[in-house]
Amino acid sequence: MPYINTKLSTSLSKEKETALKEQFGKAITLIPGKSESWLMLGFEDNCRMYFKGQSSSPLAYVEVNLFGSASQSAYDALTKKLTEILSTELSLNPSNIYIKYYEARVWGWNGMNL
């Protein structure tokens, strides 16, 4: 039950959003036991963001929330893949992308906690 929320300082066209959705759906399988069939995604564009005191470069902040946990190597692989996707699809400089991971022991779904 992963959730990936992506905040961007730039506009996101419907076509690019669809491309990100499809590629993130494939990328989540780098975390063992995770798949697109349980993946929820959120995209927020045109966010007012600053990095190093500046707002002149396109930026992305990505939060990956997982029910359970994963190994460091799985997180490393997903970070690499998400960075590649954002760099390729949105021409973002990899040094302007932050990715944060959250692990949850309890996850609510369908009116109950897992």
C-alpha atoms as a PDB file:
ATOM      1  CA  MET A   1       0.000   0.000   0.000  1.00  0.00           C
ATOM      2  CA  PRO A   2       2.382   2.669  -1.137  1.00  0.00           C
ATOM      3  CA  TYR A   3       1.522   6.306  -1.720  1.00  0.00           C
ATOM      4  CA  ILE A   4       3.785   8.607  -3.728  1.00  0.00           C
ATOM      5  CA  ASN A   5       3.106  12.334  -3.606  1.00  0.00           C
ATOM      6  CA  THR A   6       5.062  14.598  -5.958  1.00  0.00           C
ATOM      7  CA  LYS A   7       5.261  18.362  -5.547  1.00  0.00           C
ATOM      8  CA  LEU A   8       6.638  20.359  -8.462  1.00  0.00           C
ATOM      9  CA  SER A   9       7.544  23.999  -8.832  1.00  0.00           C
ATOM     10  CA  THR A  10       6.533  23.877 -12.505  1.00  0.00           C
ATOM     11  CA  SER A  11       3.374  23.110 -14.464  1.00  0.00           C
ATOM     12  CA  LEU A  12       2.492  19.503 -15.184  1.00  0.00           C
ATOM     13  CA  SER A  13       0.578  18.768 -18.374  1.00  0.00           C
ATOM     14  CA  LYS A  14      -1.971  15.941 -18.430  1.00  0.00           C
ATOM     15  CA  GLU A  15       0.292  14.040 -20.846  1.00  0.00           C
ATOM     16  CA  LYS A  16       3.307  14.296 -18.533  1.00  0.00           C
ATOM     17  CA  GLU A  17       1.171  13.375 -15.520  1.00  0.00           C
ATOM     18  CA  THR A  18       0.028  10.233 -17.338  1.00  0.00           C
ATOM     19  CA  ALA A  19       3.628   9.381 -18.246  1.00  0.00           C
ATOM     20  CA  LEU A  20       4.720   9.826 -14.616  1.00  0.00           C
ATOM     21  CA  LYS A  21       1.768   7.743 -13.392  1.00  0.00           C
ATOM     22  CA  GLU A  22       2.649   4.874 -15.707  1.00  0.00           C
ATOM     23  CA  GLN A  23       6.360   4.947 -14.939  1.00  0.00           C
ATOM     24  CA  PHE A  24       5.908   5.319 -11.162  1.00  0.00           C
ATOM     25  CA  GLY A  25       3.574   2.311 -11.359  1.00  0.00           C
ATOM     26  CA  LYS A  26       6.394   0.239 -12.793  1.00  0.00           C
ATOM     27  CA  ALA A  27       9.065   1.725 -10.526  1.00  0.00           C
ATOM     28  CA  ILE A  28       7.263   0.826  -7.283  1.00  0.00           C
ATOM     29  CA  THR A  29       7.961  -2.850  -7.997  1.00  0.00           C
ATOM     30  CA  LEU A  30      11.586  -2.131  -7.058  1.00  0.00           C
ATOM     31  CA  ILE A  31      10.300  -2.353  -3.476  1.00  0.00           C
ATOM     32  CA  PRO A  32       9.710  -6.065  -2.805  1.00  0.00           C
ATOM     33  CA  GLY A  33       6.041  -6.873  -2.305  1.00  0.00           C
ATOM     34  CA  LYS A  34       4.804  -3.563  -3.738  1.00  0.00           C
ATOM     35  CA  SER A  35       2.910  -3.185  -6.996  1.00  0.00           C
ATOM     36  CA  GLU A  36       0.874  -0.714  -8.988  1.00  0.00           C
ATOM     37  CA  SER A  37      -2.309  -2.551  -7.989  1.00  0.00           C
ATOM     38  CA  TRP A  38      -2.055  -0.948  -4.507  1.00  0.00           C
ATOM     39  CA  LEU A  39      -0.256   2.267  -5.476  1.00  0.00           C
ATOM     40  CA  MET A  40      -1.900   5.641  -4.861  1.00  0.00           C
ATOM     41  CA  LEU A  41      -0.359   8.725  -6.464  1.00  0.00           C
ATOM     42  CA  GLY A  42      -0.722  12.459  -5.952  1.00  0.00           C
ATOM     43  CA  PHE A  43       0.662  15.264  -8.093  1.00  0.00           C
ATOM     44  CA  GLU A  44       0.817  18.915  -7.062  1.00  0.00           C
ATOM     45  CA  ASP A  45       2.216  21.330  -9.618  1.00  0.00           C
ATOM     46  CA  ASN A  46       2.991  25.038  -9.567  1.00  0.00           C
ATOM     47  CA  CYS A  47       4.051  24.877  -5.903  1.00  0.00           C
ATOM     48  CA  ARG A  48       5.991  27.831  -4.566  1.00  0.00           C
ATOM     49  CA  MET A  49       9.287  26.187  -3.700  1.00  0.00           C
ATOM     50  CA  TYR A  50      12.756  27.475  -2.864  1.00  0.00           C
ATOM     51  CA  PHE A  51      16.067  25.644  -2.826  1.00  0.00           C
ATOM     52  CA  LYS A  52      19.272  27.298  -1.642  1.00  0.00           C
ATOM     53  CA  GLY A  53      17.271  30.490  -1.273  1.00  0.00           C
ATOM     54  CA  GLN A  54      16.329  30.535  -4.958  1.00  0.00           C
ATOM     55  CA  SER A  55      13.180  29.708  -6.919  1.00  0.00           C
ATOM     56  CA  SER A  56      14.605  30.084 -10.425  1.00  0.00           C
ATOM     57  CA  SER A  57      15.227  26.378 -11.155  1.00  0.00           C
ATOM     58  CA  PRO A  58      12.554  23.681 -11.518  1.00  0.00           C
ATOM     59  CA  LEU A  59      12.272  21.654  -8.296  1.00  0.00           C
ATOM     60  CA  ALA A  60      10.611  18.437  -7.141  1.00  0.00           C
ATOM     61  CA  TYR A  61       9.897  17.051  -3.685  1.00  0.00           C
ATOM     62  CA  VAL A  62       8.682  13.452  -3.607  1.00  0.00           C
ATOM     63  CA  GLU A  63       7.268  11.626  -0.596  1.00  0.00           C
ATOM     64  CA  VAL A  64       7.093   7.846  -0.696  1.00  0.00           C
ATOM     65  CA  ASN A  65       4.902   6.354   2.043  1.00  0.00           C
ATOM     66  CA  LEU A  66       4.972   2.598   2.618  1.00  0.00           C
ATOM     67  CA  PHE A  67       3.028   0.194   4.769  1.00  0.00           C
ATOM     68  CA  GLY A  68       5.882  -1.747   6.315  1.00  0.00           C
ATOM     69  CA  SER A  69       9.493  -1.204   5.383  1.00  0.00           C
ATOM     70  CA  ALA A  70      12.089  -2.038   2.761  1.00  0.00           C
ATOM     71  CA  SER A  71      15.827  -2.572   2.574  1.00  0.00           C
ATOM     72  CA  GLN A  72      18.299   0.227   1.955  1.00  0.00           C
ATOM     73  CA  SER A  73      19.144  -1.292  -1.440  1.00  0.00           C
ATOM     74  CA  ALA A  74      15.456  -1.230  -2.458  1.00  0.00           C
ATOM     75  CA  TYR A  75      15.186   2.427  -1.413  1.00  0.00           C
ATOM     76  CA  ASP A  76      18.397   3.199  -3.308  1.00  0.00           C
ATOM     77  CA  ALA A  77      17.009   1.547  -6.463  1.00  0.00           C
ATOM     78  CA  LEU A  78      13.693   3.406  -6.213  1.00  0.00           C
ATOM     79  CA  THR A  79      15.407   6.750  -5.588  1.00  0.00           C
ATOM     80  CA  LYS A  80      17.577   6.224  -8.645  1.00  0.00           C
ATOM     81  CA  LYS A  81      14.583   5.253 -10.803  1.00  0.00           C
ATOM     82  CA  LEU A  82      12.295   8.088  -9.634  1.00  0.00           C
ATOM     83  CA  THR A  83      15.114  10.582 -10.217  1.00  0.00           C
ATOM     84  CA  GLU A  84      15.658   9.213 -13.738  1.00  0.00           C
ATOM     85  CA  ILE A  85      11.944   9.441 -14.509  1.00  0.00           C
ATOM     86  CA  LEU A  86      11.619  13.034 -13.288  1.00  0.00           C
ATOM     87  CA  SER A  87      14.832  14.063 -15.040  1.00  0.00           C
ATOM     88  CA  THR A  88      13.784  12.519 -18.339  1.00  0.00           C
ATOM     89  CA  GLU A  89      10.101  13.459 -18.369  1.00  0.00           C
ATOM     90  CA  LEU A  90      10.344  16.954 -16.861  1.00  0.00           C
ATOM     91  CA  SER A  91      13.955  17.932 -17.626  1.00  0.00           C
ATOM     92  CA  LEU A  92      14.671  18.352 -13.920  1.00  0.00           C
ATOM     93  CA  ASN A  93      18.250  18.507 -12.721  1.00  0.00           C
ATOM     94  CA  PRO A  94      18.754  15.499 -10.382  1.00  0.00           C
ATOM     95  CA  SER A  95      20.348  17.829  -7.829  1.00  0.00           C
ATOM     96  CA  ASN A  96      16.992  19.669  -7.579  1.00  0.00           C
ATOM     97  CA  ILE A  97      15.020  16.566  -6.577  1.00  0.00           C
ATOM     98  CA  TYR A  98      14.434  15.499  -2.972  1.00  0.00           C
ATOM     99  CA  ILE A  99      12.884  12.123  -2.161  1.00  0.00           C
ATOM    100  CA  LYS A 100      11.701  11.345   1.377  1.00  0.00           C
ATOM    101  CA  TYR A 101      10.628   7.908   2.618  1.00  0.00           C
ATOM    102  CA  TYR A 102       8.123   7.193   5.379  1.00  0.00           C
ATOM    103  CA  GLU A 103       7.426   3.753   6.820  1.00  0.00           C
ATOM    104  CA  ALA A 104       4.141   2.988   8.577  1.00  0.00           C
ATOM    105  CA  ARG A 105       3.422   0.094  10.920  1.00  0.00           C
ATOM    106  CA  VAL A 106      -0.307   0.809  10.804  1.00  0.00           C
ATOM    107  CA  TRP A 107      -2.185   1.718   7.630  1.00  0.00           C
ATOM    108  CA  GLY A 108      -5.907   2.385   7.440  1.00  0.00           C
ATOM    109  CA  TRP A 109      -7.830   1.101   4.433  1.00  0.00           C
ATOM    110  CA  ASN A 110     -11.408   0.111   3.718  1.00  0.00           C
ATOM    111  CA  GLY A 111     -12.623   1.176   7.149  1.00  0.00           C
ATOM    112  CA  MET A 112     -10.048  -0.818   9.108  1.00  0.00           C
ATOM    113  CA  ASN A 113      -6.402  -0.774  10.077  1.00  0.00           C
ATOM    114  CA  LEU A 114      -3.895  -3.220   8.699  1.00  0.00           C
END
